[in-house]
Amino acid sequence: MMDVLDMIPLPFLATLALTYSAWVALSLAMDRHYADINGRGTEPSAVRRKRGRWLGTLALTAAFAVCVRDSGWGIGPVAWLGTMTAAALLLVLQLCYAPKSVPRTGKPTLWLALVLTLLALVLQA
């Protein structure tokens, strides 16, 4: 009998985890979302803001590379945009209804993204 996870490609899961963690990092670098999570009147430090922007950009770039490697240049960028949209929708709903849970889900998702990306790259080689 086929398991549900057998039907979901590993590169898709890696890309979804990468894009979600990228959006989390980018949102924590913004004043509005940082204040929603940590209380009104708080702002991220300059170091945290810069780190969030770099991590978010790096994760989105890695997600693009995984999509292009998995699906080629014809479909990869389209899959990347779709996955970014799905991850952004998840984060928007989470920021609206449970903003305090964002750091608790963002960090583990980043580690999961790293593991899934390495697995996707190794198993595809």
PDB file of N, CA and C in Angstrom:
ATOM      1  N   MET A   1       0.840  -1.171   0.000  1.00  0.00           N
ATOM      2  CA  MET A   1       0.000   0.000   0.000  1.00  0.00           C
ATOM      3  C   MET A   1       0.893   1.245   0.000  1.00  0.00           C
ATOM      4  N   MET A   2       0.515   2.241  -0.785  1.00  0.00           N
ATOM      5  CA  MET A   2       1.322   3.438  -0.948  1.00  0.00           C
ATOM      6  C   MET A   2       1.075   4.411   0.208  1.00  0.00           C
ATOM      7  N   ASP A   3       2.128   4.903   0.783  1.00  0.00           N
ATOM      8  CA  ASP A   3       2.053   5.867   1.864  1.00  0.00           C
ATOM      9  C   ASP A   3       1.880   7.269   1.266  1.00  0.00           C
ATOM     10  N   VAL A   4       1.301   8.190   2.011  1.00  0.00           N
ATOM     11  CA  VAL A   4       1.077   9.545   1.518  1.00  0.00           C
ATOM     12  C   VAL A   4       2.395  10.231   1.201  1.00  0.00           C
ATOM     13  N   LEU A   5       3.415  10.024   2.034  1.00  0.00           N
ATOM     14  CA  LEU A   5       4.700  10.668   1.808  1.00  0.00           C
ATOM     15  C   LEU A   5       5.405  10.134   0.561  1.00  0.00           C
ATOM     16  N   ASP A   6       5.034   8.927   0.113  1.00  0.00           N
ATOM     17  CA  ASP A   6       5.602   8.403  -1.119  1.00  0.00           C
ATOM     18  C   ASP A   6       5.102   9.163  -2.335  1.00  0.00           C
ATOM     19  N   MET A   7       3.939   9.796  -2.213  1.00  0.00           N
ATOM     20  CA  MET A   7       3.365  10.534  -3.336  1.00  0.00           C
ATOM     21  C   MET A   7       3.896  11.961  -3.425  1.00  0.00           C
ATOM     22  N   ILE A   8       4.494  12.466  -2.351  1.00  0.00           N
ATOM     23  CA  ILE A   8       5.012  13.833  -2.338  1.00  0.00           C
ATOM     24  C   ILE A   8       6.507  13.774  -2.612  1.00  0.00           C
ATOM     25  N   PRO A   9       6.968  14.401  -3.696  1.00  0.00           N
ATOM     26  CA  PRO A   9       8.402  14.349  -4.010  1.00  0.00           C
ATOM     27  C   PRO A   9       9.253  15.056  -2.944  1.00  0.00           C
ATOM     28  N   LEU A  10      10.399  14.472  -2.668  1.00  0.00           N
ATOM     29  CA  LEU A  10      11.313  15.030  -1.671  1.00  0.00           C
ATOM     30  C   LEU A  10      11.771  16.453  -2.027  1.00  0.00           C
ATOM     31  N   PRO A  11      12.094  16.754  -3.307  1.00  0.00           N
ATOM     32  CA  PRO A  11      12.471  18.140  -3.619  1.00  0.00           C
ATOM     33  C   PRO A  11      11.357  19.151  -3.330  1.00  0.00           C
ATOM     34  N   PHE A  12      10.107  18.740  -3.516  1.00  0.00           N
ATOM     35  CA  PHE A  12       8.999  19.647  -3.185  1.00  0.00           C
ATOM     36  C   PHE A  12       8.976  19.942  -1.687  1.00  0.00           C
ATOM     37  N   LEU A  13       9.129  18.919  -0.867  1.00  0.00           N
ATOM     38  CA  LEU A  13       9.141  19.128   0.588  1.00  0.00           C
ATOM     39  C   LEU A  13      10.321  20.008   0.998  1.00  0.00           C
ATOM     40  N   ALA A  14      11.479  19.776   0.373  1.00  0.00           N
ATOM     41  CA  ALA A  14      12.652  20.600   0.679  1.00  0.00           C
ATOM     42  C   ALA A  14      12.400  22.055   0.294  1.00  0.00           C
ATOM     43  N   THR A  15      11.813  22.259  -0.875  1.00  0.00           N
ATOM     44  CA  THR A  15      11.535  23.616  -1.335  1.00  0.00           C
ATOM     45  C   THR A  15      10.497  24.297  -0.451  1.00  0.00           C
ATOM     46  N   LEU A  16       9.470  23.570  -0.058  1.00  0.00           N
ATOM     47  CA  LEU A  16       8.443  24.143   0.810  1.00  0.00           C
ATOM     48  C   LEU A  16       9.039  24.534   2.165  1.00  0.00           C
ATOM     49  N   ALA A  17       9.874  23.679   2.726  1.00  0.00           N
ATOM     50  CA  ALA A  17      10.511  23.995   4.010  1.00  0.00           C
ATOM     51  C   ALA A  17      11.471  25.178   3.866  1.00  0.00           C
ATOM     52  N   LEU A  18      12.216  25.217   2.772  1.00  0.00           N
ATOM     53  CA  LEU A  18      13.143  26.335   2.548  1.00  0.00           C
ATOM     54  C   LEU A  18      12.393  27.651   2.383  1.00  0.00           C
ATOM     55  N   THR A  19      11.334  27.653   1.581  1.00  0.00           N
ATOM     56  CA  THR A  19      10.624  28.910   1.349  1.00  0.00           C
ATOM     57  C   THR A  19       9.874  29.372   2.604  1.00  0.00           C
ATOM     58  N   TYR A  20       9.316  28.420   3.361  1.00  0.00           N
ATOM     59  CA  TYR A  20       8.648  28.811   4.606  1.00  0.00           C
ATOM     60  C   TYR A  20       9.654  29.423   5.585  1.00  0.00           C
ATOM     61  N   SER A  21      10.796  28.772   5.750  1.00  0.00           N
ATOM     62  CA  SER A  21      11.788  29.323   6.682  1.00  0.00           C
ATOM     63  C   SER A  21      12.350  30.653   6.164  1.00  0.00           C
ATOM     64  N   ALA A  22      12.415  30.824   4.857  1.00  0.00           N
ATOM     65  CA  ALA A  22      12.861  32.104   4.296  1.00  0.00           C
ATOM     66  C   ALA A  22      11.864  33.206   4.627  1.00  0.00           C
ATOM     67  N   TRP A  23      10.577  32.927   4.458  1.00  0.00           N
ATOM     68  CA  TRP A  23       9.571  33.936   4.781  1.00  0.00           C
ATOM     69  C   TRP A  23       9.559  34.251   6.276  1.00  0.00           C
ATOM     70  N   VAL A  24       9.799  33.250   7.107  1.00  0.00           N
ATOM     71  CA  VAL A  24       9.874  33.494   8.552  1.00  0.00           C
ATOM     72  C   VAL A  24      11.050  34.429   8.847  1.00  0.00           C
ATOM     73  N   ALA A  25      12.208  34.138   8.280  1.00  0.00           N
ATOM     74  CA  ALA A  25      13.388  34.982   8.517  1.00  0.00           C
ATOM     75  C   ALA A  25      13.154  36.405   8.021  1.00  0.00           C
ATOM     76  N   LEU A  26      12.562  36.533   6.839  1.00  0.00           N
ATOM     77  CA  LEU A  26      12.304  37.870   6.297  1.00  0.00           C
ATOM     78  C   LEU A  26      11.251  38.612   7.117  1.00  0.00           C
ATOM     79  N   SER A  27      10.242  37.899   7.605  1.00  0.00           N
ATOM     80  CA  SER A  27       9.218  38.589   8.396  1.00  0.00           C
ATOM     81  C   SER A  27       9.763  39.022   9.757  1.00  0.00           C
ATOM     82  N   LEU A  28      10.659  38.224  10.342  1.00  0.00           N
ATOM     83  CA  LEU A  28      11.243  38.623  11.623  1.00  0.00           C
ATOM     84  C   LEU A  28      12.217  39.785  11.482  1.00  0.00           C
ATOM     85  N   ALA A  29      12.618  40.080  10.258  1.00  0.00           N
ATOM     86  CA  ALA A  29      13.491  41.228  10.015  1.00  0.00           C
ATOM     87  C   ALA A  29      12.688  42.518   9.834  1.00  0.00           C
ATOM     88  N   MET A  30      11.358  42.395   9.795  1.00  0.00           N
ATOM     89  CA  MET A  30      10.491  43.565   9.612  1.00  0.00           C
ATOM     90  C   MET A  30       9.949  44.047  10.954  1.00  0.00           C
ATOM     91  N   ASP A  31       9.849  45.362  11.121  1.00  0.00           N
ATOM     92  CA  ASP A  31       9.374  45.942  12.373  1.00  0.00           C
ATOM     93  C   ASP A  31       7.979  45.447  12.749  1.00  0.00           C
ATOM     94  N   ARG A  32       7.061  45.470  11.796  1.00  0.00           N
ATOM     95  CA  ARG A  32       5.657  45.136  12.085  1.00  0.00           C
ATOM     96  C   ARG A  32       5.505  43.704  12.601  1.00  0.00           C
ATOM     97  N   HIS A  33       6.074  42.760  11.888  1.00  0.00           N
ATOM     98  CA  HIS A  33       5.915  41.358  12.280  1.00  0.00           C
ATOM     99  C   HIS A  33       6.721  41.029  13.532  1.00  0.00           C
ATOM    100  N   TYR A  34       7.866  41.634  13.667  1.00  0.00           N
ATOM    101  CA  TYR A  34       8.663  41.431  14.888  1.00  0.00           C
ATOM    102  C   TYR A  34       7.881  41.919  16.107  1.00  0.00           C
ATOM    103  N   ALA A  35       7.222  43.073  15.967  1.00  0.00           N
ATOM    104  CA  ALA A  35       6.428  43.617  17.074  1.00  0.00           C
ATOM    105  C   ALA A  35       5.199  42.754  17.348  1.00  0.00           C
ATOM    106  N   ASP A  36       4.595  42.185  16.301  1.00  0.00           N
ATOM    107  CA  ASP A  36       3.447  41.293  16.511  1.00  0.00           C
ATOM    108  C   ASP A  36       3.843  40.075  17.338  1.00  0.00           C
ATOM    109  N   ILE A  37       5.046  39.595  17.126  1.00  0.00           N
ATOM    110  CA  ILE A  37       5.507  38.387  17.800  1.00  0.00           C
ATOM    111  C   ILE A  37       6.056  38.681  19.193  1.00  0.00           C
ATOM    112  N   ASN A  38       6.814  39.767  19.332  1.00  0.00           N
ATOM    113  CA  ASN A  38       7.514  40.062  20.580  1.00  0.00           C
ATOM    114  C   ASN A  38       6.891  41.181  21.401  1.00  0.00           C
ATOM    115  N   GLY A  39       5.767  41.698  21.000  1.00  0.00           N
ATOM    116  CA  GLY A  39       5.116  42.770  21.747  1.00  0.00           C
ATOM    117  C   GLY A  39       5.304  44.120  21.078  1.00  0.00           C
ATOM    118  N   ARG A  40       4.271  44.915  21.165  1.00  0.00           N
ATOM    119  CA  ARG A  40       4.317  46.249  20.542  1.00  0.00           C
ATOM    120  C   ARG A  40       5.437  47.078  21.143  1.00  0.00           C
ATOM    121  N   GLY A  41       6.047  47.894  20.286  1.00  0.00           N
ATOM    122  CA  GLY A  41       7.117  48.770  20.728  1.00  0.00           C
ATOM    123  C   GLY A  41       8.505  48.155  20.617  1.00  0.00           C
ATOM    124  N   THR A  42       8.592  46.866  20.312  1.00  0.00           N
ATOM    125  CA  THR A  42       9.904  46.242  20.156  1.00  0.00           C
ATOM    126  C   THR A  42      10.285  46.234  18.683  1.00  0.00           C
ATOM    127  N   GLU A  43      11.565  46.389  18.451  1.00  0.00           N
ATOM    128  CA  GLU A  43      12.098  46.358  17.095  1.00  0.00           C
ATOM    129  C   GLU A  43      13.270  45.400  17.045  1.00  0.00           C
ATOM    130  N   PRO A  44      13.492  44.772  15.886  1.00  0.00           N
ATOM    131  CA  PRO A  44      14.670  43.912  15.767  1.00  0.00           C
ATOM    132  C   PRO A  44      15.936  44.770  15.728  1.00  0.00           C
ATOM    133  N   SER A  45      17.002  44.241  16.295  1.00  0.00           N
ATOM    134  CA  SER A  45      18.264  44.973  16.249  1.00  0.00           C
ATOM    135  C   SER A  45      18.774  45.000  14.809  1.00  0.00           C
ATOM    136  N   ALA A  46      19.730  45.854  14.567  1.00  0.00           N
ATOM    137  CA  ALA A  46      20.282  45.963  13.212  1.00  0.00           C
ATOM    138  C   ALA A  46      20.932  44.650  12.778  1.00  0.00           C
ATOM    139  N   VAL A  47      21.575  43.972  13.723  1.00  0.00           N
ATOM    140  CA  VAL A  47      22.211  42.692  13.410  1.00  0.00           C
ATOM    141  C   VAL A  47      21.159  41.638  13.078  1.00  0.00           C
ATOM    142  N   ARG A  48      20.107  41.571  13.876  1.00  0.00           N
ATOM    143  CA  ARG A  48      19.041  40.595  13.640  1.00  0.00           C
ATOM    144  C   ARG A  48      18.332  40.881  12.315  1.00  0.00           C
ATOM    145  N   ARG A  49      18.128  42.149  12.030  1.00  0.00           N
ATOM    146  CA  ARG A  49      17.478  42.541  10.774  1.00  0.00           C
ATOM    147  C   ARG A  49      18.320  42.109   9.575  1.00  0.00           C
ATOM    148  N   LYS A  50      19.612  42.382   9.646  1.00  0.00           N
ATOM    149  CA  LYS A  50      20.506  42.013   8.548  1.00  0.00           C
ATOM    150  C   LYS A  50      20.610  40.494   8.409  1.00  0.00           C
ATOM    151  N   ARG A  51      20.709  39.787   9.537  1.00  0.00           N
ATOM    152  CA  ARG A  51      20.790  38.317   9.513  1.00  0.00           C
ATOM    153  C   ARG A  51      19.519  37.705   8.924  1.00  0.00           C
ATOM    154  N   GLY A  52      18.359  38.238   9.306  1.00  0.00           N
ATOM    155  CA  GLY A  52      17.096  37.745   8.759  1.00  0.00           C
ATOM    156  C   GLY A  52      16.994  37.945   7.266  1.00  0.00           C
ATOM    157  N   ARG A  53      17.444  39.102   6.801  1.00  0.00           N
ATOM    158  CA  ARG A  53      17.407  39.360   5.355  1.00  0.00           C
ATOM    159  C   ARG A  53      18.345  38.427   4.599  1.00  0.00           C
ATOM    160  N   TRP A  54      19.535  38.224   5.144  1.00  0.00           N
ATOM    161  CA  TRP A  54      20.498  37.332   4.487  1.00  0.00           C
ATOM    162  C   TRP A  54      20.016  35.882   4.492  1.00  0.00           C
ATOM    163  N   LEU A  55      19.530  35.413   5.638  1.00  0.00           N
ATOM    164  CA  LEU A  55      19.039  34.034   5.720  1.00  0.00           C
ATOM    165  C   LEU A  55      17.843  33.818   4.802  1.00  0.00           C
ATOM    166  N   GLY A  56      16.936  34.783   4.759  1.00  0.00           N
ATOM    167  CA  GLY A  56      15.784  34.669   3.881  1.00  0.00           C
ATOM    168  C   GLY A  56      16.179  34.629   2.419  1.00  0.00           C
ATOM    169  N   THR A  57      17.088  35.504   2.037  1.00  0.00           N
ATOM    170  CA  THR A  57      17.557  35.527   0.650  1.00  0.00           C
ATOM    171  C   THR A  57      18.289  34.243   0.304  1.00  0.00           C
ATOM    172  N   LEU A  58      19.126  33.772   1.201  1.00  0.00           N
ATOM    173  CA  LEU A  58      19.864  32.528   0.965  1.00  0.00           C
ATOM    174  C   LEU A  58      18.922  31.333   0.840  1.00  0.00           C
ATOM    175  N   ALA A  59      17.912  31.269   1.710  1.00  0.00           N
ATOM    176  CA  ALA A  59      16.961  30.151   1.652  1.00  0.00           C
ATOM    177  C   ALA A  59      16.132  30.191   0.373  1.00  0.00           C
ATOM    178  N   LEU A  60      15.716  31.370  -0.068  1.00  0.00           N
ATOM    179  CA  LEU A  60      14.964  31.465  -1.329  1.00  0.00           C
ATOM    180  C   LEU A  60      15.836  31.082  -2.523  1.00  0.00           C
ATOM    181  N   THR A  61      17.098  31.457  -2.478  1.00  0.00           N
ATOM    182  CA  THR A  61      18.018  31.088  -3.553  1.00  0.00           C
ATOM    183  C   THR A  61      18.252  29.578  -3.576  1.00  0.00           C
ATOM    184  N   ALA A  62      18.411  28.989  -2.409  1.00  0.00           N
ATOM    185  CA  ALA A  62      18.587  27.532  -2.337  1.00  0.00           C
ATOM    186  C   ALA A  62      17.335  26.810  -2.824  1.00  0.00           C
ATOM    187  N   ALA A  63      16.162  27.333  -2.480  1.00  0.00           N
ATOM    188  CA  ALA A  63      14.913  26.730  -2.948  1.00  0.00           C
ATOM    189  C   ALA A  63      14.815  26.804  -4.467  1.00  0.00           C
ATOM    190  N   PHE A  64      15.246  27.915  -5.035  1.00  0.00           N
ATOM    191  CA  PHE A  64      15.249  28.050  -6.496  1.00  0.00           C
ATOM    192  C   PHE A  64      16.176  27.012  -7.122  1.00  0.00           C
ATOM    193  N   ALA A  65      17.351  26.839  -6.526  1.00  0.00           N
ATOM    194  CA  ALA A  65      18.302  25.854  -7.050  1.00  0.00           C
ATOM    195  C   ALA A  65      17.738  24.440  -6.978  1.00  0.00           C
ATOM    196  N   VAL A  66      17.057  24.100  -5.890  1.00  0.00           N
ATOM    197  CA  VAL A  66      16.463  22.767  -5.763  1.00  0.00           C
ATOM    198  C   VAL A  66      15.385  22.566  -6.825  1.00  0.00           C
ATOM    199  N   CYS A  67      14.544  23.566  -7.029  1.00  0.00           N
ATOM    200  CA  CYS A  67      13.473  23.447  -8.031  1.00  0.00           C
ATOM    201  C   CYS A  67      14.040  23.293  -9.441  1.00  0.00           C
ATOM    202  N   VAL A  68      15.039  24.090  -9.775  1.00  0.00           N
ATOM    203  CA  VAL A  68      15.615  24.016 -11.122  1.00  0.00           C
ATOM    204  C   VAL A  68      16.338  22.694 -11.316  1.00  0.00           C
ATOM    205  N   ARG A  69      17.022  22.225 -10.285  1.00  0.00           N
ATOM    206  CA  ARG A  69      17.711  20.943 -10.413  1.00  0.00           C
ATOM    207  C   ARG A  69      16.717  19.792 -10.559  1.00  0.00           C
ATOM    208  N   ASP A  70      15.594  19.880  -9.870  1.00  0.00           N
ATOM    209  CA  ASP A  70      14.602  18.808  -9.919  1.00  0.00           C
ATOM    210  C   ASP A  70      13.783  18.831 -11.210  1.00  0.00           C
ATOM    211  N   SER A  71      13.324  20.025 -11.623  1.00  0.00           N
ATOM    212  CA  SER A  71      12.372  20.109 -12.738  1.00  0.00           C
ATOM    213  C   SER A  71      12.927  20.742 -13.998  1.00  0.00           C
ATOM    214  N   GLY A  72      14.172  21.209 -13.963  1.00  0.00           N
ATOM    215  CA  GLY A  72      14.749  21.849 -15.140  1.00  0.00           C
ATOM    216  C   GLY A  72      14.353  23.323 -15.227  1.00  0.00           C
ATOM    217  N   TRP A  73      14.915  24.001 -16.231  1.00  0.00           N
ATOM    218  CA  TRP A  73      14.687  25.431 -16.378  1.00  0.00           C
ATOM    219  C   TRP A  73      13.296  25.758 -16.908  1.00  0.00           C
ATOM    220  N   GLY A  74      12.636  24.801 -17.532  1.00  0.00           N
ATOM    221  CA  GLY A  74      11.305  25.070 -18.070  1.00  0.00           C
ATOM    222  C   GLY A  74      10.236  25.123 -16.993  1.00  0.00           C
ATOM    223  N   ILE A  75      10.282  24.211 -16.045  1.00  0.00           N
ATOM    224  CA  ILE A  75       9.248  24.108 -15.019  1.00  0.00           C
ATOM    225  C   ILE A  75       9.753  24.558 -13.648  1.00  0.00           C
ATOM    226  N   GLY A  76      11.046  24.461 -13.397  1.00  0.00           N
ATOM    227  CA  GLY A  76      11.615  24.778 -12.084  1.00  0.00           C
ATOM    228  C   GLY A  76      11.242  26.142 -11.537  1.00  0.00           C
ATOM    229  N   PRO A  77      11.428  27.228 -12.320  1.00  0.00           N
ATOM    230  CA  PRO A  77      11.051  28.546 -11.786  1.00  0.00           C
ATOM    231  C   PRO A  77       9.552  28.671 -11.485  1.00  0.00           C
ATOM    232  N   VAL A  78       8.722  27.998 -12.278  1.00  0.00           N
ATOM    233  CA  VAL A  78       7.279  28.031 -12.031  1.00  0.00           C
ATOM    234  C   VAL A  78       6.954  27.281 -10.734  1.00  0.00           C
ATOM    235  N   ALA A  79       7.587  26.131 -10.548  1.00  0.00           N
ATOM    236  CA  ALA A  79       7.391  25.366  -9.308  1.00  0.00           C
ATOM    237  C   ALA A  79       7.881  26.169  -8.110  1.00  0.00           C
ATOM    238  N   TRP A  80       8.976  26.890  -8.283  1.00  0.00           N
ATOM    239  CA  TRP A  80       9.526  27.717  -7.205  1.00  0.00           C
ATOM    240  C   TRP A  80       8.542  28.812  -6.813  1.00  0.00           C
ATOM    241  N   LEU A  81       7.973  29.484  -7.816  1.00  0.00           N
ATOM    242  CA  LEU A  81       7.011  30.551  -7.530  1.00  0.00           C
ATOM    243  C   LEU A  81       5.761  29.999  -6.848  1.00  0.00           C
ATOM    244  N   GLY A  82       5.287  28.844  -7.301  1.00  0.00           N
ATOM    245  CA  GLY A  82       4.123  28.234  -6.670  1.00  0.00           C
ATOM    246  C   GLY A  82       4.388  27.821  -5.239  1.00  0.00           C
ATOM    247  N   THR A  83       5.569  27.270  -5.002  1.00  0.00           N
ATOM    248  CA  THR A  83       5.919  26.852  -3.649  1.00  0.00           C
ATOM    249  C   THR A  83       6.111  28.061  -2.744  1.00  0.00           C
ATOM    250  N   MET A  84       6.707  29.123  -3.278  1.00  0.00           N
ATOM    251  CA  MET A  84       6.846  30.350  -2.492  1.00  0.00           C
ATOM    252  C   MET A  84       5.480  30.896  -2.103  1.00  0.00           C
ATOM    253  N   THR A  85       4.533  30.838  -3.034  1.00  0.00           N
ATOM    254  CA  THR A  85       3.190  31.328  -2.760  1.00  0.00           C
ATOM    255  C   THR A  85       2.513  30.504  -1.669  1.00  0.00           C
ATOM    256  N   ALA A  86       2.636  29.190  -1.745  1.00  0.00           N
ATOM    257  CA  ALA A  86       2.023  28.320  -0.729  1.00  0.00           C
ATOM    258  C   ALA A  86       2.640  28.575   0.644  1.00  0.00           C
ATOM    259  N   ALA A  87       3.959  28.696   0.698  1.00  0.00           N
ATOM    260  CA  ALA A  87       4.630  28.941   1.980  1.00  0.00           C
ATOM    261  C   ALA A  87       4.256  30.314   2.529  1.00  0.00           C
ATOM    262  N   ALA A  88       4.152  31.306   1.656  1.00  0.00           N
ATOM    263  CA  ALA A  88       3.770  32.643   2.108  1.00  0.00           C
ATOM    264  C   ALA A  88       2.351  32.643   2.662  1.00  0.00           C
ATOM    265  N   LEU A  89       1.460  31.907   2.023  1.00  0.00           N
ATOM    266  CA  LEU A  89       0.091  31.822   2.511  1.00  0.00           C
ATOM    267  C   LEU A  89       0.044  31.177   3.898  1.00  0.00           C
ATOM    268  N   LEU A  90       0.824  30.118   4.089  1.00  0.00           N
ATOM    269  CA  LEU A  90       0.895  29.491   5.408  1.00  0.00           C
ATOM    270  C   LEU A  90       1.368  30.474   6.472  1.00  0.00           C
ATOM    271  N   LEU A  91       2.401  31.238   6.141  1.00  0.00           N
ATOM    272  CA  LEU A  91       2.943  32.180   7.118  1.00  0.00           C
ATOM    273  C   LEU A  91       1.984  33.339   7.374  1.00  0.00           C
ATOM    274  N   VAL A  92       1.316  33.825   6.333  1.00  0.00           N
ATOM    275  CA  VAL A  92       0.361  34.922   6.519  1.00  0.00           C
ATOM    276  C   VAL A  92      -0.758  34.493   7.460  1.00  0.00           C
ATOM    277  N   LEU A  93      -1.286  33.292   7.249  1.00  0.00           N
ATOM    278  CA  LEU A  93      -2.329  32.798   8.150  1.00  0.00           C
ATOM    279  C   LEU A  93      -1.802  32.638   9.569  1.00  0.00           C
ATOM    280  N   GLN A  94      -0.584  32.169   9.692  1.00  0.00           N
ATOM    281  CA  GLN A  94       0.002  31.997  11.022  1.00  0.00           C
ATOM    282  C   GLN A  94       0.239  33.347  11.689  1.00  0.00           C
ATOM    283  N   LEU A  95       0.702  34.338  10.937  1.00  0.00           N
ATOM    284  CA  LEU A  95       0.923  35.671  11.516  1.00  0.00           C
ATOM    285  C   LEU A  95      -0.394  36.325  11.918  1.00  0.00           C
ATOM    286  N   CYS A  96      -1.475  36.012  11.207  1.00  0.00           N
ATOM    287  CA  CYS A  96      -2.778  36.589  11.553  1.00  0.00           C
ATOM    288  C   CYS A  96      -3.377  35.944  12.799  1.00  0.00           C
ATOM    289  N   TYR A  97      -3.307  34.632  12.882  1.00  0.00           N
ATOM    290  CA  TYR A  97      -4.051  33.918  13.914  1.00  0.00           C
ATOM    291  C   TYR A  97      -3.203  33.409  15.079  1.00  0.00           C
ATOM    292  N   ALA A  98      -1.904  33.218  14.869  1.00  0.00           N
ATOM    293  CA  ALA A  98      -1.047  32.713  15.959  1.00  0.00           C
ATOM    294  C   ALA A  98       0.373  33.265  15.806  1.00  0.00           C
ATOM    295  N   PRO A  99       0.527  34.578  15.933  1.00  0.00           N
ATOM    296  CA  PRO A  99       1.855  35.160  15.680  1.00  0.00           C
ATOM    297  C   PRO A  99       2.945  34.692  16.640  1.00  0.00           C
ATOM    298  N   LYS A 100       2.576  34.365  17.865  1.00  0.00           N
ATOM    299  CA  LYS A 100       3.589  33.932  18.838  1.00  0.00           C
ATOM    300  C   LYS A 100       4.183  32.573  18.491  1.00  0.00           C
ATOM    301  N   SER A 101       3.528  31.808  17.636  1.00  0.00           N
ATOM    302  CA  SER A 101       4.029  30.480  17.274  1.00  0.00           C
ATOM    303  C   SER A 101       5.039  30.515  16.131  1.00  0.00           C
ATOM    304  N   VAL A 102       5.225  31.655  15.515  1.00  0.00           N
ATOM    305  CA  VAL A 102       6.129  31.737  14.359  1.00  0.00           C
ATOM    306  C   VAL A 102       7.564  31.338  14.707  1.00  0.00           C
ATOM    307  N   PRO A 103       8.179  31.858  15.769  1.00  0.00           N
ATOM    308  CA  PRO A 103       9.556  31.420  16.069  1.00  0.00           C
ATOM    309  C   PRO A 103       9.653  29.930  16.406  1.00  0.00           C
ATOM    310  N   ARG A 104       8.597  29.388  17.026  1.00  0.00           N
ATOM    311  CA  ARG A 104       8.618  27.961  17.388  1.00  0.00           C
ATOM    312  C   ARG A 104       8.544  27.060  16.159  1.00  0.00           C
ATOM    313  N   THR A 105       7.963  27.538  15.087  1.00  0.00           N
ATOM    314  CA  THR A 105       7.888  26.719  13.872  1.00  0.00           C
ATOM    315  C   THR A 105       8.989  27.076  12.878  1.00  0.00           C
ATOM    316  N   GLY A 106       9.479  28.293  12.934  1.00  0.00           N
ATOM    317  CA  GLY A 106      10.474  28.734  11.958  1.00  0.00           C
ATOM    318  C   GLY A 106      11.828  28.069  12.107  1.00  0.00           C
ATOM    319  N   LYS A 107      12.325  27.977  13.331  1.00  0.00           N
ATOM    320  CA  LYS A 107      13.652  27.376  13.544  1.00  0.00           C
ATOM    321  C   LYS A 107      13.688  25.885  13.217  1.00  0.00           C
ATOM    322  N   PRO A 108      12.732  25.090  13.717  1.00  0.00           N
ATOM    323  CA  PRO A 108      12.758  23.668  13.336  1.00  0.00           C
ATOM    324  C   PRO A 108      12.582  23.448  11.834  1.00  0.00           C
ATOM    325  N   THR A 109      11.791  24.315  11.197  1.00  0.00           N
ATOM    326  CA  THR A 109      11.589  24.178   9.759  1.00  0.00           C
ATOM    327  C   THR A 109      12.878  24.459   9.005  1.00  0.00           C
ATOM    328  N   LEU A 110      13.688  25.385   9.500  1.00  0.00           N
ATOM    329  CA  LEU A 110      14.976  25.651   8.850  1.00  0.00           C
ATOM    330  C   LEU A 110      15.875  24.425   8.919  1.00  0.00           C
ATOM    331  N   TRP A 111      15.934  23.769  10.077  1.00  0.00           N
ATOM    332  CA  TRP A 111      16.751  22.559  10.197  1.00  0.00           C
ATOM    333  C   TRP A 111      16.182  21.434   9.337  1.00  0.00           C
ATOM    334  N   LEU A 112      14.865  21.309   9.326  1.00  0.00           N
ATOM    335  CA  LEU A 112      14.230  20.310   8.465  1.00  0.00           C
ATOM    336  C   LEU A 112      14.528  20.597   6.998  1.00  0.00           C
ATOM    337  N   ALA A 113      14.521  21.871   6.627  1.00  0.00           N
ATOM    338  CA  ALA A 113      14.821  22.255   5.242  1.00  0.00           C
ATOM    339  C   ALA A 113      16.241  21.857   4.859  1.00  0.00           C
ATOM    340  N   LEU A 114      17.185  22.065   5.761  1.00  0.00           N
ATOM    341  CA  LEU A 114      18.565  21.691   5.474  1.00  0.00           C
ATOM    342  C   LEU A 114      18.704  20.190   5.264  1.00  0.00           C
ATOM    343  N   VAL A 115      18.063  19.410   6.139  1.00  0.00           N
ATOM    344  CA  VAL A 115      18.133  17.951   6.012  1.00  0.00           C
ATOM    345  C   VAL A 115      17.458  17.483   4.723  1.00  0.00           C
ATOM    346  N   LEU A 116      16.265  17.998   4.449  1.00  0.00           N
ATOM    347  CA  LEU A 116      15.542  17.598   3.238  1.00  0.00           C
ATOM    348  C   LEU A 116      16.280  18.008   1.973  1.00  0.00           C
ATOM    349  N   THR A 117      16.903  19.182   1.988  1.00  0.00           N
ATOM    350  CA  THR A 117      17.658  19.635   0.815  1.00  0.00           C
ATOM    351  C   THR A 117      18.856  18.736   0.569  1.00  0.00           C
ATOM    352  N   LEU A 118      19.579  18.404   1.628  1.00  0.00           N
ATOM    353  CA  LEU A 118      20.719  17.495   1.462  1.00  0.00           C
ATOM    354  C   LEU A 118      20.263  16.126   0.966  1.00  0.00           C
ATOM    355  N   LEU A 119      19.168  15.624   1.525  1.00  0.00           N
ATOM    356  CA  LEU A 119      18.632  14.333   1.057  1.00  0.00           C
ATOM    357  C   LEU A 119      18.210  14.403  -0.408  1.00  0.00           C
ATOM    358  N   ALA A 120      17.550  15.496  -0.782  1.00  0.00           N
ATOM    359  CA  ALA A 120      17.106  15.637  -2.163  1.00  0.00           C
ATOM    360  C   ALA A 120      18.294  15.697  -3.114  1.00  0.00           C
ATOM    361  N   LEU A 121      19.351  16.375  -2.711  1.00  0.00           N
ATOM    362  CA  LEU A 121      20.530  16.484  -3.575  1.00  0.00           C
ATOM    363  C   LEU A 121      21.288  15.163  -3.656  1.00  0.00           C
ATOM    364  N   VAL A 122      21.374  14.451  -2.547  1.00  0.00           N
ATOM    365  CA  VAL A 122      22.100  13.181  -2.532  1.00  0.00           C
ATOM    366  C   VAL A 122      21.332  12.084  -3.278  1.00  0.00           C
ATOM    367  N   LEU A 123      20.030  12.011  -3.029  1.00  0.00           N
ATOM    368  CA  LEU A 123      19.247  10.942  -3.640  1.00  0.00           C
ATOM    369  C   LEU A 123      19.010  11.182  -5.136  1.00  0.00           C
ATOM    370  N   GLN A 124      19.107  12.430  -5.567  1.00  0.00           N
ATOM    371  CA  GLN A 124      18.896  12.729  -6.979  1.00  0.00           C
ATOM    372  C   GLN A 124      20.168  12.544  -7.800  1.00  0.00           C
ATOM    373  N   ALA A 125      21.302  12.488  -7.156  1.00  0.00           N
ATOM    374  CA  ALA A 125      22.576  12.415  -7.883  1.00  0.00           C
ATOM    375  C   ALA A 125      22.759  11.091  -8.591  1.00  0.00           C
TER     376      ALA A 125
END
